[in-house]
C-alpha atoms as a PDB file:
ATOM      1  CA  MET A   1      -0.173   0.091   0.197  1.00  0.00           C
ATOM      2  CA  ARG A   2       1.101   3.439  -0.778  1.00  0.00           C
ATOM      3  CA  GLY A   3       1.204   6.391   1.700  1.00  0.00           C
ATOM      4  CA  TYR A   4       1.878   9.736   0.946  1.00  0.00           C
ATOM      5  CA  LEU A   5       3.992  12.122   2.818  1.00  0.00           C
ATOM      6  CA  ASP A   6       5.069  15.231   3.616  1.00  0.00           C
ATOM      7  CA  ILE A   7       6.793  17.446   6.345  1.00  0.00           C
ATOM      8  CA  GLU A   8       6.714  21.338   7.864  1.00  0.00           C
ATOM      9  CA  THR A   9       9.555  22.767   9.327  1.00  0.00           C
ATOM     10  CA  SER A  10      10.514  25.605  11.216  1.00  0.00           C
ATOM     11  CA  PHE A  11      12.820  28.350  10.703  1.00  0.00           C
ATOM     12  CA  GLU A  12      15.156  26.428  13.071  1.00  0.00           C
ATOM     13  CA  GLY A  13      15.412  23.507  10.797  1.00  0.00           C
ATOM     14  CA  GLY A  14      12.497  21.263  13.386  1.00  0.00           C
ATOM     15  CA  ILE A  15       9.891  19.002  12.345  1.00  0.00           C
ATOM     16  CA  THR A  16       6.562  20.876  12.880  1.00  0.00           C
ATOM     17  CA  VAL A  17       3.838  18.626  11.101  1.00  0.00           C
ATOM     18  CA  VAL A  18       4.009  15.166   9.452  1.00  0.00           C
ATOM     19  CA  GLY A  19       1.116  15.141   6.867  1.00  0.00           C
ATOM     20  CA  LEU A  20       0.383  11.415   5.991  1.00  0.00           C
ATOM     21  CA  TYR A  21      -2.790  10.289   3.696  1.00  0.00           C
ATOM     22  CA  ALA A  22      -3.520   6.777   2.565  1.00  0.00           C
ATOM     23  CA  ASP A  23      -6.469   5.463   0.818  1.00  0.00           C
ATOM     24  CA  ASP A  24      -6.846   3.060   4.126  1.00  0.00           C
ATOM     25  CA  ARG A  25      -6.577   5.799   6.683  1.00  0.00           C
ATOM     26  CA  GLY A  26      -7.352   9.051   5.440  1.00  0.00           C
ATOM     27  CA  CYS A  27      -5.114  11.797   6.463  1.00  0.00           C
ATOM     28  CA  VAL A  28      -3.327  11.947   9.576  1.00  0.00           C
ATOM     29  CA  GLN A  29      -1.075  14.658  11.059  1.00  0.00           C
ATOM     30  CA  LEU A  30       1.570  14.838  13.406  1.00  0.00           C
ATOM     31  CA  VAL A  31       2.169  17.997  15.033  1.00  0.00           C
ATOM     32  CA  GLY A  32       4.880  19.846  17.232  1.00  0.00           C
ATOM     33  CA  PRO A  33       5.608  17.778  20.482  1.00  0.00           C
ATOM     34  CA  GLN A  34       3.518  14.619  18.615  1.00  0.00           C
ATOM     35  CA  VAL A  35       6.467  14.297  16.264  1.00  0.00           C
ATOM     36  CA  THR A  36       8.131  11.820  17.086  1.00  0.00           C
ATOM     37  CA  GLU A  37       9.868   8.115  16.134  1.00  0.00           C
ATOM     38  CA  VAL A  38       7.399   6.042  17.961  1.00  0.00           C
ATOM     39  CA  SER A  39       4.305   8.270  16.793  1.00  0.00           C
ATOM     40  CA  LEU A  40       5.633   8.688  12.697  1.00  0.00           C
ATOM     41  CA  TYR A  41       5.854   4.962  13.012  1.00  0.00           C
ATOM     42  CA  ARG A  42       2.635   4.396  14.013  1.00  0.00           C
ATOM     43  CA  ILE A  43       1.167   6.223  11.527  1.00  0.00           C
ATOM     44  CA  LEU A  44       3.041   4.523   8.752  1.00  0.00           C
ATOM     45  CA  GLU A  45       2.296   0.816  10.000  1.00  0.00           C
ATOM     46  CA  GLY A  46       1.032  -1.266   7.117  1.00  0.00           C
ATOM     47  CA  LEU A  47       2.455   0.862   4.236  1.00  0.00           C
ATOM     48  CA  ARG A  48       4.993  -0.647   1.846  1.00  0.00           C
ATOM     49  CA  THR A  49       5.876   2.847  -0.531  1.00  0.00           C
ATOM     50  CA  LEU A  50       6.215   6.229   0.851  1.00  0.00           C
ATOM     51  CA  CYS A  51       5.682   8.888  -2.011  1.00  0.00           C
ATOM     52  CA  THR A  52       6.503  12.424  -1.881  1.00  0.00           C
ATOM     53  CA  TYR A  53       8.061  15.486  -3.799  1.00  0.00           C
ATOM     54  CA  ASN A  54      11.880  16.251  -3.175  1.00  0.00           C
ATOM     55  CA  GLY A  55      11.299  13.911  -0.683  1.00  0.00           C
ATOM     56  CA  SER A  56      14.212  12.149  -1.241  1.00  0.00           C
ATOM     57  CA  ARG A  57      16.583  15.431  -1.066  1.00  0.00           C
ATOM     58  CA  PHE A  58      14.328  16.734   1.505  1.00  0.00           C
ATOM     59  CA  ASP A  59      11.689  14.912   3.677  1.00  0.00           C
ATOM     60  CA  LEU A  60      13.340  11.804   4.234  1.00  0.00           C
ATOM     61  CA  PRO A  61      16.910  13.297   5.128  1.00  0.00           C
ATOM     62  CA  VAL A  62      15.502  15.595   7.789  1.00  0.00           C
ATOM     63  CA  ILE A  63      13.051  12.600   9.458  1.00  0.00           C
ATOM     64  CA  HIS A  64      16.413  10.745   9.465  1.00  0.00           C
ATOM     65  CA  ARG A  65      18.192  13.765  11.073  1.00  0.00           C
ATOM     66  CA  ARG A  66      15.743  14.857  13.159  1.00  0.00           C
ATOM     67  CA  LEU A  67      13.802  11.716  14.334  1.00  0.00           C
ATOM     68  CA  GLY A  68      16.806   8.977  14.405  1.00  0.00           C
ATOM     69  CA  ALA A  69      14.041   7.123  11.620  1.00  0.00           C
ATOM     70  CA  ASP A  70      15.675   5.875   8.164  1.00  0.00           C
ATOM     71  CA  LEU A  71      12.573   5.950   6.281  1.00  0.00           C
ATOM     72  CA  ALA A  72      14.483   5.538   2.714  1.00  0.00           C
ATOM     73  CA  ALA A  73      16.023   2.317   4.410  1.00  0.00           C
ATOM     74  CA  GLU A  74      12.737   0.462   5.439  1.00  0.00           C
ATOM     75  CA  PHE A  75      10.413   1.857   2.744  1.00  0.00           C
ATOM     76  CA  GLU A  76      10.152   1.410  -0.818  1.00  0.00           C
ATOM     77  CA  SER A  77      10.268   5.265  -1.677  1.00  0.00           C
ATOM     78  CA  CYS A  78       8.660   6.918  -4.437  1.00  0.00           C
ATOM     79  CA  ASP A  79       9.707  10.730  -5.303  1.00  0.00           C
ATOM     80  CA  LEU A  80       7.290  12.057  -7.415  1.00  0.00           C
ATOM     81  CA  MET A  81       9.505  14.834  -8.178  1.00  0.00           C
ATOM     82  CA  LEU A  82      11.625  12.762 -10.157  1.00  0.00           C
ATOM     83  CA  GLU A  83       8.718  11.267 -11.922  1.00  0.00           C
ATOM     84  CA  CYS A  84       7.594  14.313 -13.435  1.00  0.00           C
ATOM     85  CA  TRP A  85      10.912  15.259 -14.465  1.00  0.00           C
ATOM     86  CA  ARG A  86      10.962  12.423 -16.327  1.00  0.00           C
ATOM     87  CA  VAL A  87       7.593  13.415 -18.481  1.00  0.00           C
ATOM     88  CA  GLY A  88       8.559  16.919 -18.596  1.00  0.00           C
ATOM     89  CA  LEU A  89       7.172  18.808 -15.722  1.00  0.00           C
ATOM     90  CA  LYS A  90       9.422  21.276 -14.312  1.00  0.00           C
ATOM     91  CA  GLY A  91       9.184  22.924 -11.188  1.00  0.00           C
ATOM     92  CA  GLY A  92       7.972  22.500  -7.637  1.00  0.00           C
ATOM     93  CA  LEU A  93       4.625  20.721  -6.473  1.00  0.00           C
ATOM     94  CA  LYS A  94       2.594  23.499  -6.347  1.00  0.00           C
ATOM     95  CA  ARG A  95       3.865  24.644 -10.061  1.00  0.00           C
ATOM     96  CA  VAL A  96       2.873  20.925 -10.926  1.00  0.00           C
ATOM     97  CA  GLU A  97      -0.320  21.143  -9.799  1.00  0.00           C
ATOM     98  CA  GLU A  98      -1.275  24.394 -11.315  1.00  0.00           C
ATOM     99  CA  ARG A  99      -0.014  23.376 -14.615  1.00  0.00           C
ATOM    100  CA  LEU A 100      -2.727  19.802 -13.873  1.00  0.00           C
ATOM    101  CA  GLY A 101      -5.476  21.424 -12.845  1.00  0.00           C
ATOM    102  CA  ILE A 102      -4.802  20.696  -9.624  1.00  0.00           C
ATOM    103  CA  ARG A 103      -6.933  22.839  -7.544  1.00  0.00           C
ATOM    104  CA  ARG A 104      -5.925  23.976  -3.781  1.00  0.00           C
ATOM    105  CA  TRP A 105      -7.944  26.489  -1.305  1.00  0.00           C
ATOM    106  CA  THR A 106      -4.370  27.227  -0.060  1.00  0.00           C
ATOM    107  CA  LYS A 107      -3.407  28.942  -3.197  1.00  0.00           C
ATOM    108  CA  GLY A 108      -0.343  30.981  -2.991  1.00  0.00           C
ATOM    109  CA  LEU A 109       1.360  29.529   0.252  1.00  0.00           C
ATOM    110  CA  ASP A 110       4.737  28.175   0.296  1.00  0.00           C
ATOM    111  CA  GLY A 111       6.980  26.127   2.680  1.00  0.00           C
ATOM    112  CA  PHE A 112       8.071  29.982   3.763  1.00  0.00           C
ATOM    113  CA  ASP A 113       4.893  30.949   4.688  1.00  0.00           C
ATOM    114  CA  ALA A 114       4.176  27.093   6.297  1.00  0.00           C
ATOM    115  CA  MET A 115       7.382  27.974   8.603  1.00  0.00           C
ATOM    116  CA  ARG A 116       5.975  31.915   9.297  1.00  0.00           C
ATOM    117  CA  LEU A 117       2.420  30.108   9.994  1.00  0.00           C
ATOM    118  CA  TRP A 118       3.439  27.716  12.601  1.00  0.00           C
ATOM    119  CA  HIS A 119       6.145  30.632  14.104  1.00  0.00           C
ATOM    120  CA  ARG A 120       2.711  32.584  14.130  1.00  0.00           C
ATOM    121  CA  TYR A 121       0.816  29.652  16.464  1.00  0.00           C
ATOM    122  CA  GLU A 122       3.975  28.843  18.971  1.00  0.00           C
ATOM    123  CA  ALA A 123       5.064  32.247  19.354  1.00  0.00           C
ATOM    124  CA  TYR A 124       1.583  33.759  19.699  1.00  0.00           C
ATOM    125  CA  GLY A 125      -0.960  31.140  20.032  1.00  0.00           C
ATOM    126  CA  ASP A 126      -2.562  31.561  16.884  1.00  0.00           C
ATOM    127  CA  GLY A 127      -4.776  28.649  16.023  1.00  0.00           C
ATOM    128  CA  GLU A 128      -6.102  29.845  13.043  1.00  0.00           C
ATOM    129  CA  ALA A 129      -2.424  29.863  11.553  1.00  0.00           C
ATOM    130  CA  LEU A 130      -2.203  26.467  13.212  1.00  0.00           C
ATOM    131  CA  ALA A 131      -5.444  25.404  11.020  1.00  0.00           C
ATOM    132  CA  THR A 132      -4.605  27.254   7.745  1.00  0.00           C
ATOM    133  CA  LEU A 133      -0.653  25.122   8.329  1.00  0.00           C
ATOM    134  CA  LEU A 134      -2.906  22.096   8.579  1.00  0.00           C
ATOM    135  CA  GLU A 135      -4.590  22.716   5.684  1.00  0.00           C
ATOM    136  CA  TYR A 136      -1.686  23.449   3.782  1.00  0.00           C
ATOM    137  CA  ASN A 137      -0.218  20.257   4.613  1.00  0.00           C
ATOM    138  CA  ARG A 138      -3.652  18.253   4.122  1.00  0.00           C
ATOM    139  CA  GLU A 139      -3.276  19.311   0.891  1.00  0.00           C
ATOM    140  CA  ASP A 140       0.005  18.532  -0.021  1.00  0.00           C
ATOM    141  CA  VAL A 141      -0.699  15.185   0.714  1.00  0.00           C
ATOM    142  CA  VAL A 142      -4.243  14.366  -0.706  1.00  0.00           C
ATOM    143  CA  ASN A 143      -2.604  16.357  -3.854  1.00  0.00           C
ATOM    144  CA  LEU A 144       0.159  14.164  -3.932  1.00  0.00           C
ATOM    145  CA  LYS A 145      -2.217  11.009  -4.119  1.00  0.00           C
ATOM    146  CA  ARG A 146      -3.816  13.086  -7.135  1.00  0.00           C
ATOM    147  CA  LEU A 147      -0.319  13.512  -8.579  1.00  0.00           C
ATOM    148  CA  ASP A 148       0.555   9.952  -8.785  1.00  0.00           C
ATOM    149  CA  GLU A 149      -2.675   9.134 -10.123  1.00  0.00           C
ATOM    150  CA  LEU A 150      -2.004  11.704 -12.891  1.00  0.00           C
ATOM    151  CA  LEU A 151       1.244   9.952 -13.641  1.00  0.00           C
ATOM    152  CA  GLU A 152       0.089   6.617 -13.335  1.00  0.00           C
ATOM    153  CA  GLU A 153      -1.856   7.463 -16.862  1.00  0.00           C
ATOM    154  CA  HIS A 154       1.636   8.189 -18.111  1.00  0.00           C
ATOM    155  CA  ARG A 155       3.471   4.760 -16.909  1.00  0.00           C
ATOM    156  CA  ARG A 156       0.969   3.245 -18.418  1.00  0.00           C
ATOM    157  CA  CYS A 157       1.565   5.060 -21.952  1.00  0.00           C
ATOM    158  CA  GLU A 158       5.052   4.290 -21.984  1.00  0.00           C
END
């Protein structure tokens, strides 16, 4: 079974949110102090493949460095960014989504905004900032599944 993984980080490089989407469990998010190695493995239980966007260079190394979990060694990894490159889709996830007509409620936000939202939540207790950050992350992981489905159409045509 495939899972779609994305993390958000703070300005200091800590993991603030781990988002996961899988068909059998929907969207699951670990936030702040919930982000531990034990809780991470708990939400990944039963998965075989982890799909990310640029995760081989960002998400998986950060998780390994911060939590000690070597997900690249323990799961099959599918970096959808590399698959996008193979079919001529260059750029970040938001740009690729736009080119493919995948919509977002959090359109216009990016990783820097995610760090700012976390800071507003942590420093000032801004619950609206946290809600926006969680929606941004939820859209990332749900849209990774949609992107994977669209790429599957290309895989069948090769």
